Protein backbone atom coordinates (compact mmCIF):
# COMPACT_ATOMS: atom_id res chain seq x y z
CA MET A 1 -6.95 -18.82 16.16
CA ASN A 2 -6.33 -19.04 12.33
CA ALA A 3 -3.69 -15.66 11.72
CA ASP A 4 -5.15 -15.79 8.49
CA HIS A 5 -8.74 -15.17 9.24
CA PRO A 6 -9.31 -14.68 12.84
CA ALA A 7 -12.38 -15.33 13.99
CA GLY A 8 -15.28 -13.37 15.78
CA ALA A 9 -13.68 -10.43 13.72
CA THR A 10 -14.46 -6.77 15.52
CA ALA A 11 -13.93 -3.18 14.32
CA LEU A 12 -11.14 -1.42 14.84
CA PRO A 13 -10.64 0.78 18.09
CA ASN A 14 -12.64 4.17 17.20
CA ASP A 15 -9.68 6.10 18.28
CA LEU A 16 -7.40 5.36 15.28
CA PRO A 17 -5.92 7.81 13.44
CA SER A 18 -7.28 9.73 11.01
CA GLY A 19 -6.85 8.42 7.22
CA VAL A 20 -6.65 4.45 8.61
CA PRO A 21 -9.35 2.27 7.73
CA THR A 22 -11.60 1.24 10.74
CA ASP A 23 -13.93 -1.61 8.94
CA LEU A 24 -11.00 -4.36 9.08
CA PRO A 25 -11.85 -8.03 10.70
CA LEU A 26 -10.19 -8.39 13.75
CA ASP A 27 -10.51 -10.79 16.97
CA ARG A 28 -10.80 -8.55 20.27
CA ALA A 29 -7.41 -9.63 20.92
CA GLY A 30 -5.96 -8.30 17.63
CA SER A 31 -7.85 -4.73 17.85
CA ASP A 32 -6.65 -4.34 22.04
CA TRP A 33 -3.11 -5.06 20.73
CA LEU A 34 -3.39 -2.75 17.78
CA ALA A 35 -4.83 -0.26 20.12
CA SER A 36 -1.95 -0.99 22.56
CA ALA A 37 0.93 -0.58 19.34
CA LEU A 38 -0.45 2.58 18.64
CA ALA A 39 -0.63 4.36 22.02
CA GLU A 40 3.16 2.60 22.38
CA VAL A 41 4.26 4.57 19.44
CA ALA A 42 2.78 7.97 20.69
CA ARG A 43 4.70 8.01 23.72
CA ASP A 44 7.96 6.41 22.20
CA PRO A 45 8.63 6.01 18.17
CA ASP A 46 11.35 3.55 18.62
CA SER A 47 8.73 0.83 19.22
CA ILE A 48 6.76 1.18 15.78
CA THR A 49 10.07 -1.43 14.88
CA ARG A 50 9.17 -4.40 17.17
CA ALA A 51 5.54 -3.76 16.33
CA PHE A 52 6.20 -3.64 12.37
CA ALA A 53 7.60 -7.36 12.91
CA PHE A 54 5.25 -9.19 15.64
CA ALA A 55 1.83 -6.96 13.42
CA ALA A 56 1.16 -9.98 11.50
CA ARG A 57 1.32 -12.60 13.92
CA ARG A 58 -1.16 -10.53 15.92
CA VAL A 59 -4.11 -8.96 13.48
CA GLY A 60 -3.78 -11.93 10.99
CA ARG A 61 -2.82 -11.63 7.10
CA ALA A 62 -6.35 -11.96 5.26
CA PRO A 63 -7.26 -9.53 2.54
CA ARG A 64 -8.91 -6.95 3.56
CA GLN A 65 -11.43 -7.60 0.69
CA PRO A 66 -11.85 -11.46 0.31
CA GLU A 67 -14.66 -11.03 -1.95
CA THR A 68 -13.35 -9.58 -4.63
CA ASP A 69 -9.20 -9.70 -3.72
CA PRO A 70 -8.84 -13.14 -1.79
CA SER A 71 -4.79 -12.84 -2.63
CA GLY A 72 -5.04 -9.54 -0.45
CA VAL A 73 -2.75 -7.90 -3.73
CA VAL A 74 -4.96 -5.12 -4.81
CA HIS A 75 -6.22 -3.91 -1.99
CA GLY A 76 -4.08 -5.18 0.82
CA THR A 77 -4.07 -7.45 4.21
CA VAL A 78 -4.73 -6.52 7.60
CA ASP A 79 -1.63 -6.62 8.67
CA ASP A 80 -0.85 -4.29 5.55
CA ALA A 81 -3.60 -1.78 7.09
CA ALA A 82 -2.15 -2.78 10.65
CA ARG A 83 1.13 -1.15 9.68
CA ALA A 84 -0.63 1.60 7.92
CA ALA A 85 -2.25 2.86 10.98
CA LEU A 86 1.90 2.68 12.91
CA VAL A 87 2.84 4.76 10.63
CA VAL A 88 0.57 7.31 10.85
CA ALA A 89 1.18 7.01 14.37
CA LEU A 90 4.90 7.40 14.02
CA ALA A 91 4.15 10.61 11.92
CA ASP A 92 1.68 12.19 14.71
CA ALA A 93 3.95 11.67 17.00
CA ALA A 94 7.63 12.10 15.34
CA GLY A 95 5.63 14.89 12.89
CA THR A 96 6.91 14.73 9.05
CA GLY A 97 10.61 15.50 8.64
CA PRO A 98 13.41 14.00 8.28
CA ASP A 99 13.79 11.99 11.38
CA CYS A 100 10.52 10.26 10.65
CA ALA A 101 11.37 10.23 6.81
CA GLU A 102 14.77 7.99 8.28
CA ARG A 103 12.58 6.30 10.31
CA LEU A 104 10.09 4.49 7.89
CA VAL A 105 12.79 3.68 4.67
CA SER A 106 14.52 1.89 7.91
CA LEU A 107 11.80 0.05 8.08
CA TYR A 108 11.15 -0.55 4.94
CA ARG A 109 15.04 -1.14 4.43
CA GLN A 110 15.32 -3.72 7.18
CA GLY A 111 11.00 -5.18 6.30
CA ASP A 112 10.47 -8.44 4.93
CA ALA A 113 8.19 -7.43 1.42
CA ALA A 114 5.27 -6.94 4.00
CA GLU A 115 6.49 -4.48 5.98
CA ARG A 116 8.19 -2.52 3.04
CA ARG A 117 4.10 -3.04 1.75
CA GLY A 118 2.71 -1.28 5.00
CA VAL A 119 5.15 1.15 4.65
CA LEU A 120 4.07 2.47 0.83
CA ARG A 121 0.80 1.59 2.24
CA GLY A 122 1.22 3.74 5.30
CA LEU A 123 1.53 6.20 3.05
CA ASP A 124 -0.78 6.21 1.17
CA ALA A 125 -2.94 6.85 4.35
CA LEU A 126 -0.85 9.96 5.43
CA THR A 127 -1.63 11.63 1.84
CA GLU A 128 -5.34 10.35 2.28
CA ARG A 129 -5.37 11.94 4.86
CA GLY A 130 -3.91 15.75 3.95
CA GLY A 131 -1.89 18.42 5.08
CA ASP A 132 2.29 18.73 4.28
CA ALA A 133 3.56 15.19 3.84
CA GLY A 134 7.27 16.92 4.40
CA ALA A 135 10.13 15.35 4.38
CA LEU A 136 8.17 11.95 3.99
CA VAL A 137 7.65 13.11 0.02
CA ALA A 138 11.22 12.77 -1.23
CA ALA A 139 11.70 9.62 1.12
CA GLY A 140 8.40 8.06 -0.17
CA LEU A 141 9.51 8.41 -3.65
CA ASP A 142 12.76 6.88 -3.09
CA LEU A 143 10.57 3.52 -1.84
CA ALA A 144 8.33 3.46 -4.74
CA ALA A 145 11.00 3.64 -6.95
CA ASP A 146 12.43 0.60 -5.36
CA ALA A 147 8.88 -1.47 -5.08
CA LEU A 148 8.46 -0.61 -8.47
CA ARG A 149 11.80 -2.76 -9.29
CA THR A 150 10.99 -5.72 -8.19
CA ASN A 151 9.01 -8.76 -9.53
CA ASP A 152 6.27 -8.92 -6.75
CA PRO A 153 3.17 -7.88 -7.05
CA SER A 154 2.12 -6.86 -4.09
CA LEU A 155 4.56 -4.05 -3.48
CA VAL A 156 4.42 -2.94 -6.87
CA ALA A 157 0.31 -2.41 -6.28
CA ALA A 158 1.20 -0.71 -3.44
CA ALA A 159 3.09 1.79 -5.16
CA VAL A 160 0.70 3.10 -7.25
CA GLY A 161 -1.66 3.77 -3.81
CA PRO A 162 -3.06 7.02 -3.38
CA PHE A 163 1.01 8.43 -2.84
CA GLY A 164 2.24 7.39 -5.72
CA ALA A 165 -0.65 8.84 -7.60
CA ARG A 166 -0.25 12.04 -6.10
CA TYR A 167 3.57 11.99 -6.31
CA LEU A 168 4.85 9.67 -8.85
CA ASP A 169 6.39 11.28 -12.51
CA GLN A 170 4.27 10.97 -15.57
CA HIS A 171 7.04 8.54 -17.01
CA THR A 172 7.36 6.91 -13.63
CA TRP A 173 3.66 6.28 -12.95
CA ARG A 174 2.86 4.79 -16.50
CA HIS A 175 5.19 2.54 -16.42
CA ALA A 176 3.79 1.56 -13.50
CA ILE A 177 0.68 1.03 -14.89
CA LEU A 178 1.82 -0.96 -17.34
CA LYS A 179 3.37 -3.33 -15.07
CA LEU A 180 0.51 -4.10 -13.49
CA VAL A 181 -1.22 -5.42 -16.32
CA PHE A 182 1.83 -7.20 -17.07
CA GLN A 183 1.59 -9.17 -13.86
CA GLY A 184 -1.85 -9.55 -14.08
CA VAL A 185 -2.97 -7.93 -11.17
CA SER A 186 -6.38 -5.49 -11.43
CA LEU A 187 -5.72 -1.84 -12.42
CA ALA A 188 -8.04 -1.56 -9.30
CA ALA A 189 -4.86 -1.30 -7.31
CA ALA A 190 -4.12 2.16 -9.06
CA SER A 191 -5.54 5.58 -7.40
CA GLY A 192 -6.55 8.05 -9.62
CA LEU A 193 -6.28 6.22 -12.57
CA ALA A 194 -8.71 8.10 -14.50
CA ALA A 195 -7.14 11.11 -13.68
CA ARG A 196 -3.88 10.63 -14.57
CA ALA A 197 -4.06 8.52 -18.08
CA ASP A 198 -3.05 10.55 -20.82
CA ASP A 199 -2.23 9.97 -24.57
CA GLU A 200 1.06 8.21 -24.26
CA LEU A 201 -0.29 5.70 -21.80
CA ASP A 202 -3.05 4.47 -24.50
CA ARG A 203 -0.22 4.53 -26.90
CA MET A 204 1.58 2.29 -24.69
CA ALA A 205 -1.21 0.17 -23.75
CA ARG A 206 -1.88 -0.62 -27.58
CA ASP A 207 1.44 -1.21 -28.35
CA PHE A 208 1.33 -3.84 -25.17
CA ALA A 209 -1.89 -5.29 -26.37
CA ALA A 210 -0.41 -6.10 -30.27
CA GLU A 211 2.86 -7.21 -29.03
CA ARG A 212 0.91 -9.85 -26.88
CA GLN A 213 -1.35 -10.28 -29.73
CA ALA A 214 1.55 -10.87 -32.67
CA ALA A 215 3.08 -13.53 -30.01
CA GLY A 216 -0.69 -15.74 -29.52
CA ARG A 217 -0.73 -14.23 -26.32
CA PRO A 218 -4.04 -13.44 -24.69
CA VAL A 219 -4.30 -9.58 -24.19
CA PRO A 220 -5.73 -9.28 -20.19
CA PRO A 221 -8.60 -7.67 -20.49
CA ASP A 222 -7.60 -4.06 -17.83
CA LEU A 223 -5.75 -3.31 -20.49
CA ASP A 224 -9.07 -1.74 -22.41
CA ARG A 225 -9.01 1.43 -19.03
CA LEU A 226 -6.16 2.68 -21.06
CA THR A 227 -6.96 2.95 -24.05
CA LYS A 228 -9.99 6.04 -25.23
CA GLU A 229 -11.80 3.55 -27.50
């Protein structure tokens, strides 16, 4: 089986935690592994560390929306979503207090870029589900800030999902959006763009466009989404 594009894909198990996508292209082995890993995290939250490390080789690294996002940067990958499901299962098992926050910080700090995306996508899934995020908000904001300091487009994109749209302060959010444009990442990665865009972002986008034009460089077409004309 190709780890990036599993053959014989099936839908995820019906008993996934709420807020987690159920339309992933998993083969039976990958689906069974994820169901087992979720159940194990529910019984033993410590097991998430091993599951996070093994997720990609068990479910693959295929993009979630290959037709429009073949690199998986904008909408994430299958292993991103699997790790997000594990984060939701962890929050269900351990609550959203300091213990869960500490576990997520550890997963992020000790993980590679894909595992870090998984934590951020997990925070997105929890945000979309609703409810009290508890101590996860402060921890998540620290992790999102770290992701936004990197030059990895997939991490920047993961930091401006539903969690970032809800909790990032306006100054940080504006600069994150402009960084996406600078990196050539579609603004489809940014949740809540229309709701949060403001006059200051409009000004920043126009200044950025003027700088590009003055340097004889192309202006990213997505920039039009940030201006009001």
